[in-house]
């Protein structure tokens, strides 16, 4: 991870984009009196998005398991769905 100020990134954008995409470097762009931003490769971004989706899915499974343990389920016979 490398942190650079806004002026440096502006003057050397290609170099830092290459560091992010080719070397997997996370680049933090620091800005005076503004919120900082991060440059990362598309591959790293996609991995983060996948992790978020997986965390949501696991949370849903945990909630379902808790409902089962709490007795919050209804068991039906398959015959109940036949015509």
PDB file of N, CA and C in Angstrom:
ATOM      1  N   UNK A   1       0.850  -1.162   0.000  1.00  0.00           N
ATOM      2  CA  UNK A   1       0.000   0.000   0.000  1.00  0.00           C
ATOM      3  C   UNK A   1       0.897   1.227   0.000  1.00  0.00           C
ATOM      4  N   UNK A   2       0.531   2.177  -0.838  1.00  0.00           N
ATOM      5  CA  UNK A   2       1.293   3.415  -0.927  1.00  0.00           C
ATOM      6  C   UNK A   2       0.317   4.586  -0.862  1.00  0.00           C
ATOM      7  N   UNK A   3       0.731   5.632  -0.174  1.00  0.00           N
ATOM      8  CA  UNK A   3      -0.093   6.835  -0.083  1.00  0.00           C
ATOM      9  C   UNK A   3       0.637   7.979  -0.768  1.00  0.00           C
ATOM     10  N   UNK A   4      -0.087   8.654  -1.652  1.00  0.00           N
ATOM     11  CA  UNK A   4       0.498   9.803  -2.349  1.00  0.00           C
ATOM     12  C   UNK A   4      -0.511  10.943  -2.337  1.00  0.00           C
ATOM     13  N   UNK A   5       0.019  12.160  -2.412  1.00  0.00           N
ATOM     14  CA  UNK A   5      -0.899  13.292  -2.401  1.00  0.00           C
ATOM     15  C   UNK A   5      -1.483  13.520  -3.793  1.00  0.00           C
ATOM     16  N   UNK A   6      -2.521  14.314  -3.828  1.00  0.00           N
ATOM     17  CA  UNK A   6      -3.281  14.553  -5.053  1.00  0.00           C
ATOM     18  C   UNK A   6      -2.404  15.104  -6.178  1.00  0.00           C
ATOM     19  N   UNK A   7      -1.530  16.037  -5.857  1.00  0.00           N
ATOM     20  CA  UNK A   7      -0.670  16.638  -6.889  1.00  0.00           C
ATOM     21  C   UNK A   7       0.253  15.603  -7.511  1.00  0.00           C
ATOM     22  N   UNK A   8       0.806  14.742  -6.695  1.00  0.00           N
ATOM     23  CA  UNK A   8       1.699  13.694  -7.202  1.00  0.00           C
ATOM     24  C   UNK A   8       0.943  12.734  -8.103  1.00  0.00           C
ATOM     25  N   UNK A   9      -0.243  12.336  -7.692  1.00  0.00           N
ATOM     26  CA  UNK A   9      -1.040  11.401  -8.500  1.00  0.00           C
ATOM     27  C   UNK A   9      -1.404  12.061  -9.821  1.00  0.00           C
ATOM     28  N   UNK A  10      -1.771  13.327  -9.789  1.00  0.00           N
ATOM     29  CA  UNK A  10      -2.158  14.047 -11.006  1.00  0.00           C
ATOM     30  C   UNK A  10      -0.991  14.095 -11.999  1.00  0.00           C
ATOM     31  N   UNK A  11       0.212  14.307 -11.488  1.00  0.00           N
ATOM     32  CA  UNK A  11       1.383  14.405 -12.361  1.00  0.00           C
ATOM     33  C   UNK A  11       1.919  13.053 -12.814  1.00  0.00           C
ATOM     34  N   UNK A  12       1.540  11.983 -12.134  1.00  0.00           N
ATOM     35  CA  UNK A  12       2.078  10.657 -12.437  1.00  0.00           C
ATOM     36  C   UNK A  12       0.983   9.601 -12.485  1.00  0.00           C
ATOM     37  N   UNK A  13      -0.157   9.961 -13.012  1.00  0.00           N
ATOM     38  CA  UNK A  13      -1.317   9.067 -12.975  1.00  0.00           C
ATOM     39  C   UNK A  13      -1.026   7.715 -13.610  1.00  0.00           C
ATOM     40  N   UNK A  14      -0.429   7.690 -14.779  1.00  0.00           N
ATOM     41  CA  UNK A  14      -0.149   6.417 -15.460  1.00  0.00           C
ATOM     42  C   UNK A  14       0.717   5.509 -14.595  1.00  0.00           C
ATOM     43  N   UNK A  15       1.737   6.081 -13.991  1.00  0.00           N
ATOM     44  CA  UNK A  15       2.648   5.292 -13.154  1.00  0.00           C
ATOM     45  C   UNK A  15       1.890   4.617 -12.014  1.00  0.00           C
ATOM     46  N   UNK A  16       1.022   5.367 -11.339  1.00  0.00           N
ATOM     47  CA  UNK A  16       0.290   4.805 -10.203  1.00  0.00           C
ATOM     48  C   UNK A  16      -0.819   3.864 -10.649  1.00  0.00           C
ATOM     49  N   UNK A  17      -1.413   4.130 -11.800  1.00  0.00           N
ATOM     50  CA  UNK A  17      -2.397   3.177 -12.340  1.00  0.00           C
ATOM     51  C   UNK A  17      -1.715   1.857 -12.679  1.00  0.00           C
ATOM     52  N   UNK A  18      -0.522   1.936 -13.250  1.00  0.00           N
ATOM     53  CA  UNK A  18       0.243   0.727 -13.557  1.00  0.00           C
ATOM     54  C   UNK A  18       0.618  -0.030 -12.287  1.00  0.00           C
ATOM     55  N   UNK A  19       0.995   0.706 -11.239  1.00  0.00           N
ATOM     56  CA  UNK A  19       1.314   0.041  -9.965  1.00  0.00           C
ATOM     57  C   UNK A  19       0.099  -0.726  -9.452  1.00  0.00           C
ATOM     58  N   UNK A  20      -1.072  -0.122  -9.582  1.00  0.00           N
ATOM     59  CA  UNK A  20      -2.297  -0.766  -9.100  1.00  0.00           C
ATOM     60  C   UNK A  20      -2.645  -1.969  -9.964  1.00  0.00           C
ATOM     61  N   UNK A  21      -2.613  -1.806 -11.278  1.00  0.00           N
ATOM     62  CA  UNK A  21      -3.063  -2.889 -12.154  1.00  0.00           C
ATOM     63  C   UNK A  21      -2.012  -3.972 -12.354  1.00  0.00           C
ATOM     64  N   UNK A  22      -0.757  -3.602 -12.470  1.00  0.00           N
ATOM     65  CA  UNK A  22       0.298  -4.581 -12.765  1.00  0.00           C
ATOM     66  C   UNK A  22       0.906  -5.206 -11.515  1.00  0.00           C
ATOM     67  N   UNK A  23       1.054  -4.402 -10.460  1.00  0.00           N
ATOM     68  CA  UNK A  23       1.735  -4.880  -9.250  1.00  0.00           C
ATOM     69  C   UNK A  23       0.776  -5.200  -8.111  1.00  0.00           C
ATOM     70  N   UNK A  24      -0.511  -4.940  -8.302  1.00  0.00           N
ATOM     71  CA  UNK A  24      -1.478  -5.205  -7.238  1.00  0.00           C
ATOM     72  C   UNK A  24      -1.364  -4.236  -6.076  1.00  0.00           C
ATOM     73  N   UNK A  25      -0.728  -3.115  -6.316  1.00  0.00           N
ATOM     74  CA  UNK A  25      -0.530  -2.111  -5.270  1.00  0.00           C
ATOM     75  C   UNK A  25      -1.841  -1.349  -5.025  1.00  0.00           C
ATOM     76  N   UNK A  26      -2.148  -1.102  -3.774  1.00  0.00           N
ATOM     77  CA  UNK A  26      -3.281  -0.239  -3.432  1.00  0.00           C
ATOM     78  C   UNK A  26      -2.720   1.163  -3.233  1.00  0.00           C
ATOM     79  N   UNK A  27      -3.280   2.116  -3.960  1.00  0.00           N
ATOM     80  CA  UNK A  27      -2.780   3.490  -3.913  1.00  0.00           C
ATOM     81  C   UNK A  27      -3.823   4.357  -3.215  1.00  0.00           C
ATOM     82  N   UNK A  28      -3.421   4.965  -2.117  1.00  0.00           N
ATOM     83  CA  UNK A  28      -4.290   5.897  -1.398  1.00  0.00           C
ATOM     84  C   UNK A  28      -3.935   7.303  -1.853  1.00  0.00           C
ATOM     85  N   UNK A  29      -4.928   8.028  -2.324  1.00  0.00           N
ATOM     86  CA  UNK A  29      -4.722   9.408  -2.764  1.00  0.00           C
ATOM     87  C   UNK A  29      -5.184  10.315  -1.630  1.00  0.00           C
ATOM     88  N   UNK A  30      -4.233  11.015  -1.043  1.00  0.00           N
ATOM     89  CA  UNK A  30      -4.556  11.914   0.059  1.00  0.00           C
ATOM     90  C   UNK A  30      -4.861  13.291  -0.504  1.00  0.00           C
ATOM     91  N   UNK A  31      -5.890  13.938   0.083  1.00  0.00           N
ATOM     92  CA  UNK A  31      -6.308  15.256  -0.392  1.00  0.00           C
ATOM     93  C   UNK A  31      -6.520  16.168   0.805  1.00  0.00           C
ATOM     94  N   UNK A  32      -5.942  17.333   0.757  1.00  0.00           N
ATOM     95  CA  UNK A  32      -6.075  18.298   1.846  1.00  0.00           C
ATOM     96  C   UNK A  32      -7.538  18.675   2.017  1.00  0.00           C
ATOM     97  N   UNK A  33      -7.995  18.576   3.243  1.00  0.00           N
ATOM     98  CA  UNK A  33      -9.349  18.980   3.612  1.00  0.00           C
ATOM     99  C   UNK A  33     -10.442  18.301   2.790  1.00  0.00           C
ATOM    100  N   UNK A  34     -10.131  17.189   2.175  1.00  0.00           N
ATOM    101  CA  UNK A  34     -11.090  16.393   1.413  1.00  0.00           C
ATOM    102  C   UNK A  34     -10.943  14.941   1.862  1.00  0.00           C
ATOM    103  N   UNK A  35     -11.923  14.134   1.529  1.00  0.00           N
ATOM    104  CA  UNK A  35     -11.832  12.719   1.858  1.00  0.00           C
ATOM    105  C   UNK A  35     -10.847  12.042   0.915  1.00  0.00           C
ATOM    106  N   UNK A  36     -10.051  11.137   1.477  1.00  0.00           N
ATOM    107  CA  UNK A  36      -9.092  10.397   0.671  1.00  0.00           C
ATOM    108  C   UNK A  36      -9.820   9.390  -0.209  1.00  0.00           C
ATOM    109  N   UNK A  37      -9.175   8.988  -1.289  1.00  0.00           N
ATOM    110  CA  UNK A  37      -9.718   7.980  -2.183  1.00  0.00           C
ATOM    111  C   UNK A  37      -8.671   6.894  -2.408  1.00  0.00           C
ATOM    112  N   UNK A  38      -9.125   5.767  -2.948  1.00  0.00           N
ATOM    113  CA  UNK A  38      -8.238   4.626  -3.165  1.00  0.00           C
ATOM    114  C   UNK A  38      -8.293   4.209  -4.626  1.00  0.00           C
ATOM    115  N   UNK A  39      -7.136   3.906  -5.172  1.00  0.00           N
ATOM    116  CA  UNK A  39      -7.049   3.333  -6.520  1.00  0.00           C
ATOM    117  C   UNK A  39      -6.596   1.888  -6.356  1.00  0.00           C
ATOM    118  N   UNK A  40      -7.356   0.973  -6.932  1.00  0.00           N
ATOM    119  CA  UNK A  40      -6.968  -0.421  -6.905  1.00  0.00           C
ATOM    120  C   UNK A  40      -7.332  -1.055  -8.237  1.00  0.00           C
ATOM    121  N   UNK A  41      -6.743  -2.208  -8.500  1.00  0.00           N
ATOM    122  CA  UNK A  41      -6.971  -2.878  -9.776  1.00  0.00           C
ATOM    123  C   UNK A  41      -8.407  -3.384  -9.861  1.00  0.00           C
ATOM    124  N   UNK A  42      -8.871  -3.596 -11.077  1.00  0.00           N
ATOM    125  CA  UNK A  42     -10.209  -4.138 -11.288  1.00  0.00           C
ATOM    126  C   UNK A  42     -10.310  -5.525 -10.658  1.00  0.00           C
ATOM    127  N   UNK A  43      -9.239  -6.289 -10.737  1.00  0.00           N
ATOM    128  CA  UNK A  43      -9.223  -7.633 -10.132  1.00  0.00           C
ATOM    129  C   UNK A  43      -9.443  -7.547  -8.623  1.00  0.00           C
ATOM    130  N   UNK A  44      -8.747  -6.634  -7.968  1.00  0.00           N
ATOM    131  CA  UNK A  44      -8.921  -6.474  -6.523  1.00  0.00           C
ATOM    132  C   UNK A  44     -10.324  -5.987  -6.191  1.00  0.00           C
ATOM    133  N   UNK A  45     -10.837  -5.070  -6.992  1.00  0.00           N
ATOM    134  CA  UNK A  45     -12.191  -4.558  -6.780  1.00  0.00           C
ATOM    135  C   UNK A  45     -13.205  -5.693  -6.903  1.00  0.00           C
ATOM    136  N   UNK A  46     -13.073  -6.508  -7.942  1.00  0.00           N
ATOM    137  CA  UNK A  46     -13.995  -7.628  -8.134  1.00  0.00           C
ATOM    138  C   UNK A  46     -13.921  -8.622  -6.976  1.00  0.00           C
ATOM    139  N   UNK A  47     -12.721  -8.856  -6.461  1.00  0.00           N
ATOM    140  CA  UNK A  47     -12.567  -9.746  -5.303  1.00  0.00           C
ATOM    141  C   UNK A  47     -13.296  -9.174  -4.088  1.00  0.00           C
ATOM    142  N   UNK A  48     -13.178  -7.885  -3.877  1.00  0.00           N
ATOM    143  CA  UNK A  48     -13.872  -7.249  -2.755  1.00  0.00           C
ATOM    144  C   UNK A  48     -15.383  -7.354  -2.912  1.00  0.00           C
ATOM    145  N   UNK A  49     -15.874  -7.133  -4.128  1.00  0.00           N
ATOM    146  CA  UNK A  49     -17.310  -7.246  -4.382  1.00  0.00           C
ATOM    147  C   UNK A  49     -17.796  -8.674  -4.128  1.00  0.00           C
ATOM    148  N   UNK A  50     -16.992  -9.645  -4.515  1.00  0.00           N
ATOM    149  CA  UNK A  50     -17.343 -11.048  -4.288  1.00  0.00           C
ATOM    150  C   UNK A  50     -17.384 -11.345  -2.791  1.00  0.00           C
ATOM    151  N   UNK A  51     -16.428 -10.817  -2.049  1.00  0.00           N
ATOM    152  CA  UNK A  51     -16.394 -11.025  -0.601  1.00  0.00           C
ATOM    153  C   UNK A  51     -17.623 -10.415   0.061  1.00  0.00           C
ATOM    154  N   UNK A  52     -18.040  -9.254  -0.393  1.00  0.00           N
ATOM    155  CA  UNK A  52     -19.239  -8.610   0.153  1.00  0.00           C
ATOM    156  C   UNK A  52     -20.465  -9.469  -0.127  1.00  0.00           C
ATOM    157  N   UNK A  53     -20.580  -9.952  -1.368  1.00  0.00           N
ATOM    158  CA  UNK A  53     -21.720 -10.809  -1.732  1.00  0.00           C
ATOM    159  C   UNK A  53     -21.721 -12.085  -0.919  1.00  0.00           C
ATOM    160  N   UNK A  54     -20.533 -12.682  -0.734  1.00  0.00           N
ATOM    161  CA  UNK A  54     -20.435 -13.909   0.061  1.00  0.00           C
ATOM    162  C   UNK A  54     -20.814 -13.661   1.519  1.00  0.00           C
ATOM    163  N   UNK A  55     -20.397 -12.521   2.053  1.00  0.00           N
ATOM    164  CA  UNK A  55     -20.725 -12.190   3.439  1.00  0.00           C
ATOM    165  C   UNK A  55     -22.235 -12.040   3.610  1.00  0.00           C
ATOM    166  N   UNK A  56     -22.896 -11.407   2.631  1.00  0.00           N
ATOM    167  CA  UNK A  56     -24.349 -11.259   2.696  1.00  0.00           C
ATOM    168  C   UNK A  56     -25.025 -12.625   2.644  1.00  0.00           C
ATOM    169  N   UNK A  57     -24.538 -13.493   1.775  1.00  0.00           N
ATOM    170  CA  UNK A  57     -25.108 -14.831   1.634  1.00  0.00           C
ATOM    171  C   UNK A  57     -24.924 -15.634   2.927  1.00  0.00           C
ATOM    172  N   UNK A  58     -23.730 -15.573   3.499  1.00  0.00           N
ATOM    173  CA  UNK A  58     -23.469 -16.292   4.747  1.00  0.00           C
ATOM    174  C   UNK A  58     -24.329 -15.750   5.881  1.00  0.00           C
ATOM    175  N   UNK A  59     -24.538 -14.449   5.899  1.00  0.00           N
ATOM    176  CA  UNK A  59     -25.401 -13.845   6.905  1.00  0.00           C
ATOM    177  C   UNK A  59     -26.829 -14.367   6.769  1.00  0.00           C
ATOM    178  N   UNK A  60     -27.290 -14.489   5.530  1.00  0.00           N
ATOM    179  CA  UNK A  60     -28.625 -15.010   5.284  1.00  0.00           C
ATOM    180  C   UNK A  60     -28.734 -16.469   5.766  1.00  0.00           C
ATOM    181  N   UNK A  61     -27.684 -17.251   5.505  1.00  0.00           N
ATOM    182  CA  UNK A  61     -27.678 -18.644   5.972  1.00  0.00           C
ATOM    183  C   UNK A  61     -27.683 -18.712   7.496  1.00  0.00           C
ATOM    184  N   UNK A  62     -26.891 -17.841   8.134  1.00  0.00           N
ATOM    185  CA  UNK A  62     -26.867 -17.797   9.597  1.00  0.00           C
ATOM    186  C   UNK A  62     -28.250 -17.463  10.154  1.00  0.00           C
ATOM    187  N   UNK A  63     -28.923 -16.507   9.527  1.00  0.00           N
ATOM    188  CA  UNK A  63     -30.268 -16.128   9.968  1.00  0.00           C
ATOM    189  C   UNK A  63     -31.227 -17.310   9.808  1.00  0.00           C
ATOM    190  N   UNK A  64     -31.116 -18.013   8.694  1.00  0.00           N
ATOM    191  CA  UNK A  64     -31.980 -19.179   8.461  1.00  0.00           C
ATOM    192  C   UNK A  64     -31.711 -20.272   9.488  1.00  0.00           C
ATOM    193  N   UNK A  65     -30.447 -20.505   9.779  1.00  0.00           N
ATOM    194  CA  UNK A  65     -30.101 -21.527  10.784  1.00  0.00           C
ATOM    195  C   UNK A  65     -30.654 -21.140  12.151  1.00  0.00           C
ATOM    196  N   UNK A  66     -30.594 -19.848  12.483  1.00  0.00           N
ATOM    197  CA  UNK A  66     -31.123 -19.391  13.761  1.00  0.00           C
ATOM    198  C   UNK A  66     -32.627 -19.594  13.814  1.00  0.00           C
ATOM    199  N   UNK A  67     -33.318 -19.338  12.704  1.00  0.00           N
ATOM    200  CA  UNK A  67     -34.763 -19.556  12.649  1.00  0.00           C
ATOM    201  C   UNK A  67     -35.095 -21.031  12.855  1.00  0.00           C
ATOM    202  N   UNK A  68     -34.298 -21.900  12.278  1.00  0.00           N
ATOM    203  CA  UNK A  68     -34.514 -23.341  12.468  1.00  0.00           C
ATOM    204  C   UNK A  68     -34.316 -23.711  13.931  1.00  0.00           C
ATOM    205  N   UNK A  69     -33.245 -23.214  14.542  1.00  0.00           N
ATOM    206  CA  UNK A  69     -32.960 -23.517  15.943  1.00  0.00           C
ATOM    207  C   UNK A  69     -34.035 -22.956  16.868  1.00  0.00           C
ATOM    208  N   UNK A  70     -34.617 -21.832  16.488  1.00  0.00           N
ATOM    209  CA  UNK A  70     -35.669 -21.213  17.306  1.00  0.00           C
ATOM    210  C   UNK A  70     -37.038 -21.835  17.060  1.00  0.00           C
ATOM    211  N   UNK A  71     -37.090 -22.790  16.154  1.00  0.00           N
ATOM    212  CA  UNK A  71     -38.357 -23.449  15.860  1.00  0.00           C
ATOM    213  C   UNK A  71     -39.250 -22.653  14.931  1.00  0.00           C
ATOM    214  N   UNK A  72     -38.692 -21.718  14.239  1.00  0.00           N
ATOM    215  CA  UNK A  72     -39.468 -20.854  13.357  1.00  0.00           C
ATOM    216  C   UNK A  72     -39.629 -21.417  11.958  1.00  0.00           C
ATOM    217  N   UNK A  73     -39.866 -22.726  11.874  1.00  0.00           N
ATOM    218  CA  UNK A  73     -40.067 -23.338  10.567  1.00  0.00           C
ATOM    219  C   UNK A  73     -41.368 -24.129  10.564  1.00  0.00           C
ATOM    220  N   UNK A  74     -41.880 -24.367   9.391  1.00  0.00           N
ATOM    221  CA  UNK A  74     -43.082 -25.172   9.230  1.00  0.00           C
ATOM    222  C   UNK A  74     -42.719 -26.330   8.322  1.00  0.00           C
ATOM    223  N   UNK A  75     -42.984 -27.537   8.787  1.00  0.00           N
ATOM    224  CA  UNK A  75     -42.693 -28.726   7.986  1.00  0.00           C
ATOM    225  C   UNK A  75     -43.980 -29.168   7.321  1.00  0.00           C
ATOM    226  N   UNK A  76     -43.909 -29.340   6.006  1.00  0.00           N
ATOM    227  CA  UNK A  76     -45.085 -29.779   5.248  1.00  0.00           C
ATOM    228  C   UNK A  76     -44.749 -31.052   4.498  1.00  0.00           C
ATOM    229  N   UNK A  77     -45.726 -31.859   4.339  1.00  0.00           N
ATOM    230  CA  UNK A  77     -45.590 -33.087   3.567  1.00  0.00           C
ATOM    231  C   UNK A  77     -45.706 -32.735   2.095  1.00  0.00           C
ATOM    232  N   UNK A  78     -44.956 -33.397   1.263  1.00  0.00           N
ATOM    233  CA  UNK A  78     -45.003 -33.142  -0.176  1.00  0.00           C
ATOM    234  C   UNK A  78     -46.403 -33.381  -0.718  1.00  0.00           C
ATOM    235  N   UNK A  79     -47.159 -34.232  -0.081  1.00  0.00           N
ATOM    236  CA  UNK A  79     -48.516 -34.516  -0.520  1.00  0.00           C
ATOM    237  C   UNK A  79     -49.400 -33.266  -0.435  1.00  0.00           C
ATOM    238  N   UNK A  80     -49.065 -32.327   0.451  1.00  0.00           N
ATOM    239  CA  UNK A  80     -49.839 -31.096   0.598  1.00  0.00           C
ATOM    240  C   UNK A  80     -49.779 -30.240  -0.683  1.00  0.00           C
ATOM    241  N   UNK A  81     -48.787 -30.489  -1.542  1.00  0.00           N
ATOM    242  CA  UNK A  81     -48.619 -29.691  -2.743  1.00  0.00           C
ATOM    243  C   UNK A  81     -49.166 -30.367  -3.986  1.00  0.00           C
ATOM    244  N   UNK A  82     -49.635 -31.584  -3.851  1.00  0.00           N
ATOM    245  CA  UNK A  82     -50.189 -32.299  -4.994  1.00  0.00           C
ATOM    246  C   UNK A  82     -51.638 -31.912  -5.226  1.00  0.00           C
ATOM    247  N   UNK A  83     -52.062 -31.982  -6.477  1.00  0.00           N
ATOM    248  CA  UNK A  83     -53.456 -31.665  -6.806  1.00  0.00           C
ATOM    249  C   UNK A  83     -54.371 -32.814  -6.496  1.00  0.00           C
TER     250      UNK A  83
END
